[in-house]
Amino acid sequence: MSKQSPLQIVNEKFGSKKELAKQLSEVLEPDTDETKDELAERLGLASNSKLLHLHALSEKVAAHGGRDGLVQKVASGENKSNDKDYIRALGGKTLGWLVDRVESLERRAKKKAKSA
């Protein structure tokens, strides 16, 4: 069997692109001057592969406890849990950056434990 296209995956798992965009608008953070409905409309214009990527990202964010959980994991992974300014700065980072940083810190810790 050949690999499914992003359109096929979206239609199979979510029913339609519009439904996936609506789901993502509930999870993702809209711009400051944007409502969730406007975000869903904007997401409806994105490619199916981009929407699938955003869905995977939102699942990772939820698995790590949301933005606050990600910020705490990054701060503790870098031994800066007590640095309030650093934590505040992390709060301004994108969810993608935070997820990437947490995964990087986890890989580094795993590699360090393996070599020890």
PDB file of N, CA and C in Angstrom:
ATOM      1  N   MET A   1       0.837  -1.178   0.000  1.00  0.00           N
ATOM      2  CA  MET A   1       0.000   0.000   0.000  1.00  0.00           C
ATOM      3  C   MET A   1       0.886   1.246   0.000  1.00  0.00           C
ATOM      4  N   SER A   2       0.503   2.223  -0.791  1.00  0.00           N
ATOM      5  CA  SER A   2       1.298   3.442  -0.887  1.00  0.00           C
ATOM      6  C   SER A   2       0.999   4.381   0.278  1.00  0.00           C
ATOM      7  N   LYS A   3       1.901   5.306   0.453  1.00  0.00           N
ATOM      8  CA  LYS A   3       1.769   6.281   1.534  1.00  0.00           C
ATOM      9  C   LYS A   3       0.581   7.206   1.258  1.00  0.00           C
ATOM     10  N   GLN A   4      -0.181   7.510   2.306  1.00  0.00           N
ATOM     11  CA  GLN A   4      -1.334   8.393   2.157  1.00  0.00           C
ATOM     12  C   GLN A   4      -0.889   9.842   2.015  1.00  0.00           C
ATOM     13  N   SER A   5      -1.642  10.584   1.234  1.00  0.00           N
ATOM     14  CA  SER A   5      -1.365  12.014   1.091  1.00  0.00           C
ATOM     15  C   SER A   5      -1.895  12.743   2.321  1.00  0.00           C
ATOM     16  N   PRO A   6      -1.407  13.955   2.573  1.00  0.00           N
ATOM     17  CA  PRO A   6      -1.933  14.727   3.702  1.00  0.00           C
ATOM     18  C   PRO A   6      -3.452  14.920   3.631  1.00  0.00           C
ATOM     19  N   LEU A   7      -3.988  15.105   2.433  1.00  0.00           N
ATOM     20  CA  LEU A   7      -5.437  15.258   2.275  1.00  0.00           C
ATOM     21  C   LEU A   7      -6.163  14.003   2.738  1.00  0.00           C
ATOM     22  N   GLN A   8      -5.661  12.838   2.362  1.00  0.00           N
ATOM     23  CA  GLN A   8      -6.283  11.585   2.769  1.00  0.00           C
ATOM     24  C   GLN A   8      -6.222  11.405   4.282  1.00  0.00           C
ATOM     25  N   ILE A   9      -5.101  11.759   4.885  1.00  0.00           N
ATOM     26  CA  ILE A   9      -4.951  11.632   6.338  1.00  0.00           C
ATOM     27  C   ILE A   9      -5.927  12.561   7.053  1.00  0.00           C
ATOM     28  N   VAL A  10      -6.013  13.810   6.594  1.00  0.00           N
ATOM     29  CA  VAL A  10      -6.928  14.781   7.207  1.00  0.00           C
ATOM     30  C   VAL A  10      -8.361  14.292   7.096  1.00  0.00           C
ATOM     31  N   ASN A  11      -8.766  13.833   5.912  1.00  0.00           N
ATOM     32  CA  ASN A  11     -10.143  13.375   5.723  1.00  0.00           C
ATOM     33  C   ASN A  11     -10.443  12.123   6.532  1.00  0.00           C
ATOM     34  N   GLU A  12      -9.461  11.238   6.676  1.00  0.00           N
ATOM     35  CA  GLU A  12      -9.665   9.996   7.422  1.00  0.00           C
ATOM     36  C   GLU A  12      -9.753  10.239   8.932  1.00  0.00           C
ATOM     37  N   LYS A  13      -8.833  11.045   9.463  1.00  0.00           N
ATOM     38  CA  LYS A  13      -8.766  11.244  10.911  1.00  0.00           C
ATOM     39  C   LYS A  13      -9.715  12.312  11.437  1.00  0.00           C
ATOM     40  N   PHE A  14      -9.969  13.349  10.636  1.00  0.00           N
ATOM     41  CA  PHE A  14     -10.716  14.498  11.152  1.00  0.00           C
ATOM     42  C   PHE A  14     -11.996  14.791  10.386  1.00  0.00           C
ATOM     43  N   GLY A  15     -12.232  14.113   9.293  1.00  0.00           N
ATOM     44  CA  GLY A  15     -13.442  14.344   8.517  1.00  0.00           C
ATOM     45  C   GLY A  15     -13.262  15.393   7.444  1.00  0.00           C
ATOM     46  N   SER A  16     -12.701  16.524   7.799  1.00  0.00           N
ATOM     47  CA  SER A  16     -12.463  17.578   6.813  1.00  0.00           C
ATOM     48  C   SER A  16     -11.399  18.536   7.330  1.00  0.00           C
ATOM     49  N   LYS A  17     -10.896  19.325   6.417  1.00  0.00           N
ATOM     50  CA  LYS A  17      -9.895  20.326   6.760  1.00  0.00           C
ATOM     51  C   LYS A  17     -10.500  21.366   7.699  1.00  0.00           C
ATOM     52  N   LYS A  18     -11.758  21.702   7.470  1.00  0.00           N
ATOM     53  CA  LYS A  18     -12.443  22.698   8.295  1.00  0.00           C
ATOM     54  C   LYS A  18     -12.554  22.219   9.745  1.00  0.00           C
ATOM     55  N   GLU A  19     -12.850  20.937   9.936  1.00  0.00           N
ATOM     56  CA  GLU A  19     -12.956  20.380  11.289  1.00  0.00           C
ATOM     57  C   GLU A  19     -11.607  20.398  12.003  1.00  0.00           C
ATOM     58  N   LEU A  20     -10.546  20.042  11.286  1.00  0.00           N
ATOM     59  CA  LEU A  20      -9.207  20.067  11.879  1.00  0.00           C
ATOM     60  C   LEU A  20      -8.817  21.495  12.247  1.00  0.00           C
ATOM     61  N   ALA A  21      -9.111  22.447  11.369  1.00  0.00           N
ATOM     62  CA  ALA A  21      -8.798  23.850  11.651  1.00  0.00           C
ATOM     63  C   ALA A  21      -9.561  24.328  12.882  1.00  0.00           C
ATOM     64  N   LYS A  22     -10.813  23.903  13.017  1.00  0.00           N
ATOM     65  CA  LYS A  22     -11.622  24.291  14.182  1.00  0.00           C
ATOM     66  C   LYS A  22     -11.035  23.689  15.459  1.00  0.00           C
ATOM     67  N   GLN A  23     -10.633  22.419  15.397  1.00  0.00           N
ATOM     68  CA  GLN A  23     -10.009  21.758  16.553  1.00  0.00           C
ATOM     69  C   GLN A  23      -8.735  22.485  16.963  1.00  0.00           C
ATOM     70  N   LEU A  24      -7.908  22.811  15.995  1.00  0.00           N
ATOM     71  CA  LEU A  24      -6.639  23.480  16.285  1.00  0.00           C
ATOM     72  C   LEU A  24      -6.855  24.874  16.852  1.00  0.00           C
ATOM     73  N   SER A  25      -7.895  25.558  16.407  1.00  0.00           N
ATOM     74  CA  SER A  25      -8.140  26.915  16.907  1.00  0.00           C
ATOM     75  C   SER A  25      -8.499  26.903  18.390  1.00  0.00           C
ATOM     76  N   GLU A  26      -9.023  25.789  18.885  1.00  0.00           N
ATOM     77  CA  GLU A  26      -9.344  25.669  20.308  1.00  0.00           C
ATOM     78  C   GLU A  26      -8.085  25.451  21.144  1.00  0.00           C
ATOM     79  N   VAL A  27      -7.067  24.838  20.551  1.00  0.00           N
ATOM     80  CA  VAL A  27      -5.854  24.474  21.283  1.00  0.00           C
ATOM     81  C   VAL A  27      -4.762  25.532  21.149  1.00  0.00           C
ATOM     82  N   LEU A  28      -4.577  26.041  19.946  1.00  0.00           N
ATOM     83  CA  LEU A  28      -3.495  26.990  19.694  1.00  0.00           C
ATOM     84  C   LEU A  28      -3.853  28.374  20.207  1.00  0.00           C
ATOM     85  N   GLU A  29      -2.839  29.185  20.380  1.00  0.00           N
ATOM     86  CA  GLU A  29      -3.030  30.535  20.911  1.00  0.00           C
ATOM     87  C   GLU A  29      -3.199  31.523  19.763  1.00  0.00           C
ATOM     88  N   PRO A  30      -4.345  32.210  19.679  1.00  0.00           N
ATOM     89  CA  PRO A  30      -4.533  33.199  18.605  1.00  0.00           C
ATOM     90  C   PRO A  30      -3.678  34.437  18.845  1.00  0.00           C
ATOM     91  N   ASP A  31      -3.495  35.229  17.778  1.00  0.00           N
ATOM     92  CA  ASP A  31      -2.795  36.506  17.918  1.00  0.00           C
ATOM     93  C   ASP A  31      -3.565  37.383  18.890  1.00  0.00           C
ATOM     94  N   THR A  32      -2.951  38.442  19.366  1.00  0.00           N
ATOM     95  CA  THR A  32      -3.568  39.295  20.387  1.00  0.00           C
ATOM     96  C   THR A  32      -4.865  39.938  19.919  1.00  0.00           C
ATOM     97  N   ASP A  33      -4.969  40.288  18.646  1.00  0.00           N
ATOM     98  CA  ASP A  33      -6.176  40.951  18.151  1.00  0.00           C
ATOM     99  C   ASP A  33      -7.054  40.015  17.327  1.00  0.00           C
ATOM    100  N   GLU A  34      -6.982  38.713  17.610  1.00  0.00           N
ATOM    101  CA  GLU A  34      -7.671  37.713  16.808  1.00  0.00           C
ATOM    102  C   GLU A  34      -8.555  36.833  17.693  1.00  0.00           C
ATOM    103  N   THR A  35      -9.756  36.512  17.220  1.00  0.00           N
ATOM    104  CA  THR A  35     -10.640  35.599  17.946  1.00  0.00           C
ATOM    105  C   THR A  35     -10.352  34.165  17.499  1.00  0.00           C
ATOM    106  N   LYS A  36     -10.905  33.207  18.220  1.00  0.00           N
ATOM    107  CA  LYS A  36     -10.708  31.803  17.861  1.00  0.00           C
ATOM    108  C   LYS A  36     -11.354  31.485  16.514  1.00  0.00           C
ATOM    109  N   ASP A  37     -12.484  32.127  16.209  1.00  0.00           N
ATOM    110  CA  ASP A  37     -13.131  31.913  14.911  1.00  0.00           C
ATOM    111  C   ASP A  37     -12.269  32.446  13.768  1.00  0.00           C
ATOM    112  N   GLU A  38     -11.654  33.596  13.980  1.00  0.00           N
ATOM    113  CA  GLU A  38     -10.761  34.154  12.960  1.00  0.00           C
ATOM    114  C   GLU A  38      -9.527  33.275  12.783  1.00  0.00           C
ATOM    115  N   LEU A  39      -9.040  32.714  13.884  1.00  0.00           N
ATOM    116  CA  LEU A  39      -7.903  31.801  13.802  1.00  0.00           C
ATOM    117  C   LEU A  39      -8.290  30.558  13.011  1.00  0.00           C
ATOM    118  N   ALA A  40      -9.478  30.010  13.278  1.00  0.00           N
ATOM    119  CA  ALA A  40      -9.940  28.827  12.550  1.00  0.00           C
ATOM    120  C   ALA A  40     -10.060  29.129  11.057  1.00  0.00           C
ATOM    121  N   GLU A  41     -10.551  30.310  10.727  1.00  0.00           N
ATOM    122  CA  GLU A  41     -10.674  30.707   9.324  1.00  0.00           C
ATOM    123  C   GLU A  41      -9.293  30.817   8.675  1.00  0.00           C
ATOM    124  N   ARG A  42      -8.350  31.401   9.396  1.00  0.00           N
ATOM    125  CA  ARG A  42      -6.985  31.544   8.881  1.00  0.00           C
ATOM    126  C   ARG A  42      -6.316  30.179   8.728  1.00  0.00           C
ATOM    127  N   LEU A  43      -6.545  29.285   9.690  1.00  0.00           N
ATOM    128  CA  LEU A  43      -5.967  27.945   9.600  1.00  0.00           C
ATOM    129  C   LEU A  43      -6.560  27.164   8.432  1.00  0.00           C
ATOM    130  N   GLY A  44      -7.804  27.459   8.088  1.00  0.00           N
ATOM    131  CA  GLY A  44      -8.440  26.797   6.952  1.00  0.00           C
ATOM    132  C   GLY A  44      -7.737  27.077   5.638  1.00  0.00           C
ATOM    133  N   LEU A  45      -6.952  28.132   5.584  1.00  0.00           N
ATOM    134  CA  LEU A  45      -6.210  28.487   4.373  1.00  0.00           C
ATOM    135  C   LEU A  45      -4.845  27.809   4.305  1.00  0.00           C
ATOM    136  N   ALA A  46      -4.413  27.213   5.402  1.00  0.00           N
ATOM    137  CA  ALA A  46      -3.101  26.558   5.449  1.00  0.00           C
ATOM    138  C   ALA A  46      -3.165  25.205   4.745  1.00  0.00           C
ATOM    139  N   SER A  47      -2.007  24.693   4.378  1.00  0.00           N
ATOM    140  CA  SER A  47      -1.954  23.392   3.708  1.00  0.00           C
ATOM    141  C   SER A  47      -2.286  22.276   4.696  1.00  0.00           C
ATOM    142  N   ASN A  48      -2.708  21.146   4.144  1.00  0.00           N
ATOM    143  CA  ASN A  48      -3.050  20.000   4.988  1.00  0.00           C
ATOM    144  C   ASN A  48      -1.838  19.511   5.774  1.00  0.00           C
ATOM    145  N   SER A  49      -0.676  19.496   5.153  1.00  0.00           N
ATOM    146  CA  SER A  49       0.520  19.027   5.862  1.00  0.00           C
ATOM    147  C   SER A  49       0.873  19.971   7.008  1.00  0.00           C
ATOM    148  N   LYS A  50       0.675  21.277   6.820  1.00  0.00           N
ATOM    149  CA  LYS A  50       0.932  22.244   7.892  1.00  0.00           C
ATOM    150  C   LYS A  50      -0.045  22.009   9.045  1.00  0.00           C
ATOM    151  N   LEU A  51      -1.301  21.756   8.724  1.00  0.00           N
ATOM    152  CA  LEU A  51      -2.294  21.494   9.769  1.00  0.00           C
ATOM    153  C   LEU A  51      -1.958  20.218  10.532  1.00  0.00           C
ATOM    154  N   LEU A  52      -1.494  19.192   9.829  1.00  0.00           N
ATOM    155  CA  LEU A  52      -1.096  17.954  10.505  1.00  0.00           C
ATOM    156  C   LEU A  52       0.107  18.194  11.409  1.00  0.00           C
ATOM    157  N   HIS A  53       1.044  19.025  10.958  1.00  0.00           N
ATOM    158  CA  HIS A  53       2.200  19.378  11.784  1.00  0.00           C
ATOM    159  C   HIS A  53       1.743  20.122  13.042  1.00  0.00           C
ATOM    160  N   LEU A  54       0.827  21.078  12.883  1.00  0.00           N
ATOM    161  CA  LEU A  54       0.317  21.828  14.032  1.00  0.00           C
ATOM    162  C   LEU A  54      -0.442  20.923  14.997  1.00  0.00           C
ATOM    163  N   HIS A  55      -1.144  19.924  14.460  1.00  0.00           N
ATOM    164  CA  HIS A  55      -1.862  18.980  15.323  1.00  0.00           C
ATOM    165  C   HIS A  55      -0.870  18.158  16.145  1.00  0.00           C
ATOM    166  N   ALA A  56       0.197  17.698  15.500  1.00  0.00           N
ATOM    167  CA  ALA A  56       1.231  16.940  16.222  1.00  0.00           C
ATOM    168  C   ALA A  56       1.874  17.810  17.296  1.00  0.00           C
ATOM    169  N   LEU A  57       2.125  19.070  16.977  1.00  0.00           N
ATOM    170  CA  LEU A  57       2.699  20.005  17.948  1.00  0.00           C
ATOM    171  C   LEU A  57       1.754  20.204  19.131  1.00  0.00           C
ATOM    172  N   SER A  58       0.466  20.353  18.856  1.00  0.00           N
ATOM    173  CA  SER A  58      -0.489  20.571  19.945  1.00  0.00           C
ATOM    174  C   SER A  58      -0.574  19.352  20.861  1.00  0.00           C
ATOM    175  N   GLU A  59      -0.416  18.150  20.296  1.00  0.00           N
ATOM    176  CA  GLU A  59      -0.406  16.944  21.129  1.00  0.00           C
ATOM    177  C   GLU A  59       0.832  16.912  22.028  1.00  0.00           C
ATOM    178  N   LYS A  60       1.974  17.335  21.496  1.00  0.00           N
ATOM    179  CA  LYS A  60       3.202  17.381  22.305  1.00  0.00           C
ATOM    180  C   LYS A  60       3.071  18.412  23.425  1.00  0.00           C
ATOM    181  N   VAL A  61       2.478  19.551  23.107  1.00  0.00           N
ATOM    182  CA  VAL A  61       2.281  20.598  24.118  1.00  0.00           C
ATOM    183  C   VAL A  61       1.392  20.064  25.235  1.00  0.00           C
ATOM    184  N   ALA A  62       0.312  19.390  24.873  1.00  0.00           N
ATOM    185  CA  ALA A  62      -0.598  18.835  25.876  1.00  0.00           C
ATOM    186  C   ALA A  62       0.102  17.770  26.718  1.00  0.00           C
ATOM    187  N   ALA A  63       0.955  16.968  26.097  1.00  0.00           N
ATOM    188  CA  ALA A  63       1.672  15.915  26.823  1.00  0.00           C
ATOM    189  C   ALA A  63       2.647  16.489  27.845  1.00  0.00           C
ATOM    190  N   HIS A  64       3.146  17.684  27.590  1.00  0.00           N
ATOM    191  CA  HIS A  64       4.102  18.313  28.512  1.00  0.00           C
ATOM    192  C   HIS A  64       3.426  19.254  29.502  1.00  0.00           C
ATOM    193  N   GLY A  65       2.115  19.329  29.490  1.00  0.00           N
ATOM    194  CA  GLY A  65       1.419  20.150  30.476  1.00  0.00           C
ATOM    195  C   GLY A  65       1.164  21.577  30.042  1.00  0.00           C
ATOM    196  N   GLY A  66       1.080  21.812  28.742  1.00  0.00           N
ATOM    197  CA  GLY A  66       0.780  23.156  28.259  1.00  0.00           C
ATOM    198  C   GLY A  66       1.993  24.064  28.310  1.00  0.00           C
ATOM    199  N   ARG A  67       1.759  25.344  28.058  1.00  0.00           N
ATOM    200  CA  ARG A  67       2.847  26.327  28.024  1.00  0.00           C
ATOM    201  C   ARG A  67       3.578  26.379  29.360  1.00  0.00           C
ATOM    202  N   ASP A  68       2.839  26.389  30.469  1.00  0.00           N
ATOM    203  CA  ASP A  68       3.479  26.478  31.785  1.00  0.00           C
ATOM    204  C   ASP A  68       4.365  25.270  32.065  1.00  0.00           C
ATOM    205  N   GLY A  69       3.890  24.089  31.700  1.00  0.00           N
ATOM    206  CA  GLY A  69       4.687  22.887  31.891  1.00  0.00           C
ATOM    207  C   GLY A  69       5.963  22.908  31.074  1.00  0.00           C
ATOM    208  N   LEU A  70       5.859  23.374  29.829  1.00  0.00           N
ATOM    209  CA  LEU A  70       7.042  23.472  28.973  1.00  0.00           C
ATOM    210  C   LEU A  70       8.051  24.460  29.540  1.00  0.00           C
ATOM    211  N   VAL A  71       7.557  25.611  29.994  1.00  0.00           N
ATOM    212  CA  VAL A  71       8.445  26.632  30.558  1.00  0.00           C
ATOM    213  C   VAL A  71       9.171  26.081  31.779  1.00  0.00           C
ATOM    214  N   GLN A  72       8.455  25.390  32.654  1.00  0.00           N
ATOM    215  CA  GLN A  72       9.081  24.833  33.853  1.00  0.00           C
ATOM    216  C   GLN A  72      10.111  23.761  33.509  1.00  0.00           C
ATOM    217  N   LYS A  73       9.810  22.926  32.506  1.00  0.00           N
ATOM    218  CA  LYS A  73      10.761  21.878  32.117  1.00  0.00           C
ATOM    219  C   LYS A  73      12.032  22.469  31.523  1.00  0.00           C
ATOM    220  N   VAL A  74      11.888  23.511  30.710  1.00  0.00           N
ATOM    221  CA  VAL A  74      13.076  24.153  30.135  1.00  0.00           C
ATOM    222  C   VAL A  74      13.895  24.806  31.238  1.00  0.00           C
ATOM    223  N   ALA A  75      13.235  25.532  32.130  1.00  0.00           N
ATOM    224  CA  ALA A  75      13.946  26.226  33.209  1.00  0.00           C
ATOM    225  C   ALA A  75      14.667  25.234  34.120  1.00  0.00           C
ATOM    226  N   SER A  76      14.001  24.144  34.484  1.00  0.00           N
ATOM    227  CA  SER A  76      14.652  23.174  35.368  1.00  0.00           C
ATOM    228  C   SER A  76      15.746  22.410  34.627  1.00  0.00           C
ATOM    229  N   GLY A  77      15.554  22.142  33.341  1.00  0.00           N
ATOM    230  CA  GLY A  77      16.572  21.450  32.552  1.00  0.00           C
ATOM    231  C   GLY A  77      17.836  22.262  32.396  1.00  0.00           C
ATOM    232  N   GLU A  78      17.708  23.571  32.452  1.00  0.00           N
ATOM    233  CA  GLU A  78      18.867  24.456  32.338  1.00  0.00           C
ATOM    234  C   GLU A  78      19.312  24.990  33.696  1.00  0.00           C
ATOM    235  N   ASN A  79      18.790  24.416  34.767  1.00  0.00           N
ATOM    236  CA  ASN A  79      19.125  24.799  36.141  1.00  0.00           C
ATOM    237  C   ASN A  79      18.874  26.284  36.404  1.00  0.00           C
ATOM    238  N   LYS A  80      17.764  26.781  35.901  1.00  0.00           N
ATOM    239  CA  LYS A  80      17.405  28.181  36.106  1.00  0.00           C
ATOM    240  C   LYS A  80      15.986  28.298  36.652  1.00  0.00           C
ATOM    241  N   SER A  81      15.591  27.348  37.484  1.00  0.00           N
ATOM    242  CA  SER A  81      14.235  27.329  38.032  1.00  0.00           C
ATOM    243  C   SER A  81      13.931  28.531  38.904  1.00  0.00           C
ATOM    244  N   ASN A  82      14.938  29.116  39.524  1.00  0.00           N
ATOM    245  CA  ASN A  82      14.720  30.248  40.427  1.00  0.00           C
ATOM    246  C   ASN A  82      14.885  31.604  39.743  1.00  0.00           C
ATOM    247  N   ASP A  83      15.280  31.610  38.495  1.00  0.00           N
ATOM    248  CA  ASP A  83      15.501  32.853  37.751  1.00  0.00           C
ATOM    249  C   ASP A  83      14.173  33.330  37.159  1.00  0.00           C
ATOM    250  N   LYS A  84      13.504  34.234  37.860  1.00  0.00           N
ATOM    251  CA  LYS A  84      12.172  34.702  37.458  1.00  0.00           C
ATOM    252  C   LYS A  84      12.198  35.429  36.116  1.00  0.00           C
ATOM    253  N   ASP A  85      13.247  36.213  35.859  1.00  0.00           N
ATOM    254  CA  ASP A  85      13.344  36.926  34.586  1.00  0.00           C
ATOM    255  C   ASP A  85      13.469  35.948  33.418  1.00  0.00           C
ATOM    256  N   TYR A  86      14.244  34.897  33.608  1.00  0.00           N
ATOM    257  CA  TYR A  86      14.413  33.893  32.562  1.00  0.00           C
ATOM    258  C   TYR A  86      13.092  33.173  32.297  1.00  0.00           C
ATOM    259  N   ILE A  87      12.377  32.829  33.358  1.00  0.00           N
ATOM    260  CA  ILE A  87      11.087  32.158  33.211  1.00  0.00           C
ATOM    261  C   ILE A  87      10.097  33.069  32.486  1.00  0.00           C
ATOM    262  N   ARG A  88      10.120  34.353  32.814  1.00  0.00           N
ATOM    263  CA  ARG A  88       9.237  35.313  32.139  1.00  0.00           C
ATOM    264  C   ARG A  88       9.593  35.400  30.653  1.00  0.00           C
ATOM    265  N   ALA A  89      10.885  35.394  30.338  1.00  0.00           N
ATOM    266  CA  ALA A  89      11.326  35.441  28.942  1.00  0.00           C
ATOM    267  C   ALA A  89      10.908  34.178  28.191  1.00  0.00           C
ATOM    268  N   LEU A  90      10.990  33.038  28.862  1.00  0.00           N
ATOM    269  CA  LEU A  90      10.554  31.791  28.231  1.00  0.00           C
ATOM    270  C   LEU A  90       9.061  31.822  27.926  1.00  0.00           C
ATOM    271  N   GLY A  91       8.299  32.498  28.763  1.00  0.00           N
ATOM    272  CA  GLY A  91       6.859  32.607  28.542  1.00  0.00           C
ATOM    273  C   GLY A  91       6.511  33.314  27.247  1.00  0.00           C
ATOM    274  N   GLY A  92       7.428  34.106  26.723  1.00  0.00           N
ATOM    275  CA  GLY A  92       7.200  34.810  25.471  1.00  0.00           C
ATOM    276  C   GLY A  92       7.616  34.030  24.234  1.00  0.00           C
ATOM    277  N   LYS A  93       8.247  32.894  24.427  1.00  0.00           N
ATOM    278  CA  LYS A  93       8.692  32.079  23.294  1.00  0.00           C
ATOM    279  C   LYS A  93       7.508  31.336  22.680  1.00  0.00           C
ATOM    280  N   THR A  94       7.670  30.898  21.437  1.00  0.00           N
ATOM    281  CA  THR A  94       6.603  30.158  20.766  1.00  0.00           C
ATOM    282  C   THR A  94       6.521  28.737  21.323  1.00  0.00           C
ATOM    283  N   LEU A  95       5.360  28.121  21.150  1.00  0.00           N
ATOM    284  CA  LEU A  95       5.181  26.749  21.616  1.00  0.00           C
ATOM    285  C   LEU A  95       6.128  25.801  20.882  1.00  0.00           C
ATOM    286  N   GLY A  96       6.335  26.031  19.606  1.00  0.00           N
ATOM    287  CA  GLY A  96       7.252  25.193  18.836  1.00  0.00           C
ATOM    288  C   GLY A  96       8.666  25.260  19.375  1.00  0.00           C
ATOM    289  N   TRP A  97       9.115  26.458  19.725  1.00  0.00           N
ATOM    290  CA  TRP A  97      10.458  26.628  20.270  1.00  0.00           C
ATOM    291  C   TRP A  97      10.567  25.906  21.605  1.00  0.00           C
ATOM    292  N   LEU A  98       9.557  26.050  22.445  1.00  0.00           N
ATOM    293  CA  LEU A  98       9.588  25.414  23.768  1.00  0.00           C
ATOM    294  C   LEU A  98       9.605  23.892  23.653  1.00  0.00           C
ATOM    295  N   VAL A  99       8.777  23.334  22.768  1.00  0.00           N
ATOM    296  CA  VAL A  99       8.751  21.880  22.578  1.00  0.00           C
ATOM    297  C   VAL A  99      10.107  21.404  22.075  1.00  0.00           C
ATOM    298  N   ASP A 100      10.670  22.103  21.110  1.00  0.00           N
ATOM    299  CA  ASP A 100      11.978  21.735  20.570  1.00  0.00           C
ATOM    300  C   ASP A 100      13.044  21.766  21.657  1.00  0.00           C
ATOM    301  N   ARG A 101      13.010  22.778  22.494  1.00  0.00           N
ATOM    302  CA  ARG A 101      14.000  22.926  23.574  1.00  0.00           C
ATOM    303  C   ARG A 101      13.859  21.805  24.603  1.00  0.00           C
ATOM    304  N   VAL A 102      12.619  21.468  24.975  1.00  0.00           N
ATOM    305  CA  VAL A 102      12.396  20.381  25.941  1.00  0.00           C
ATOM    306  C   VAL A 102      12.906  19.063  25.371  1.00  0.00           C
ATOM    307  N   GLU A 103      12.588  18.785  24.111  1.00  0.00           N
ATOM    308  CA  GLU A 103      13.045  17.538  23.498  1.00  0.00           C
ATOM    309  C   GLU A 103      14.566  17.500  23.396  1.00  0.00           C
ATOM    310  N   SER A 104      15.175  18.629  23.113  1.00  0.00           N
ATOM    311  CA  SER A 104      16.634  18.715  23.055  1.00  0.00           C
ATOM    312  C   SER A 104      17.251  18.436  24.425  1.00  0.00           C
ATOM    313  N   LEU A 105      16.677  19.024  25.466  1.00  0.00           N
ATOM    314  CA  LEU A 105      17.181  18.794  26.823  1.00  0.00           C
ATOM    315  C   LEU A 105      16.995  17.337  27.244  1.00  0.00           C
ATOM    316  N   GLU A 106      15.881  16.719  26.834  1.00  0.00           N
ATOM    317  CA  GLU A 106      15.642  15.310  27.162  1.00  0.00           C
ATOM    318  C   GLU A 106      16.660  14.412  26.461  1.00  0.00           C
ATOM    319  N   ARG A 107      16.950  14.704  25.183  1.00  0.00           N
ATOM    320  CA  ARG A 107      17.961  13.914  24.456  1.00  0.00           C
ATOM    321  C   ARG A 107      19.332  14.067  25.102  1.00  0.00           C
ATOM    322  N   ARG A 108      19.663  15.285  25.495  1.00  0.00           N
ATOM    323  CA  ARG A 108      20.960  15.547  26.127  1.00  0.00           C
ATOM    324  C   ARG A 108      21.071  14.785  27.453  1.00  0.00           C
ATOM    325  N   ALA A 109      20.009  14.784  28.254  1.00  0.00           N
ATOM    326  CA  ALA A 109      20.026  14.077  29.537  1.00  0.00           C
ATOM    327  C   ALA A 109      20.129  12.569  29.321  1.00  0.00           C
ATOM    328  N   LYS A 110      19.431  12.069  28.301  1.00  0.00           N
ATOM    329  CA  LYS A 110      19.474  10.639  28.001  1.00  0.00           C
ATOM    330  C   LYS A 110      20.880  10.225  27.552  1.00  0.00           C
ATOM    331  N   LYS A 111      21.501  11.053  26.726  1.00  0.00           N
ATOM    332  CA  LYS A 111      22.853  10.766  26.251  1.00  0.00           C
ATOM    333  C   LYS A 111      23.853  10.816  27.404  1.00  0.00           C
ATOM    334  N   LYS A 112      23.671  11.782  28.302  1.00  0.00           N
ATOM    335  CA  LYS A 112      24.563  11.916  29.453  1.00  0.00           C
ATOM    336  C   LYS A 112      24.419  10.718  30.390  1.00  0.00           C
ATOM    337  N   ALA A 113      23.183  10.263  30.613  1.00  0.00           N
ATOM    338  CA  ALA A 113      22.950   9.112  31.483  1.00  0.00           C
ATOM    339  C   ALA A 113      23.518   7.836  30.863  1.00  0.00           C
ATOM    340  N   LYS A 114      23.442   7.740  29.556  1.00  0.00           N
ATOM    341  CA  LYS A 114      23.951   6.559  28.864  1.00  0.00           C
ATOM    342  C   LYS A 114      25.474   6.475  28.939  1.00  0.00           C
ATOM    343  N   SER A 115      26.146   7.622  28.853  1.00  0.00           N
ATOM    344  CA  SER A 115      27.608   7.629  28.882  1.00  0.00           C
ATOM    345  C   SER A 115      28.169   7.509  30.298  1.00  0.00           C
ATOM    346  N   ALA A 116      27.356   7.763  31.301  1.00  0.00           N
ATOM    347  CA  ALA A 116      27.832   7.721  32.690  1.00  0.00           C
ATOM    348  C   ALA A 116      27.892   6.323  33.236  1.00  0.00           C
TER     349      ALA A 116
END
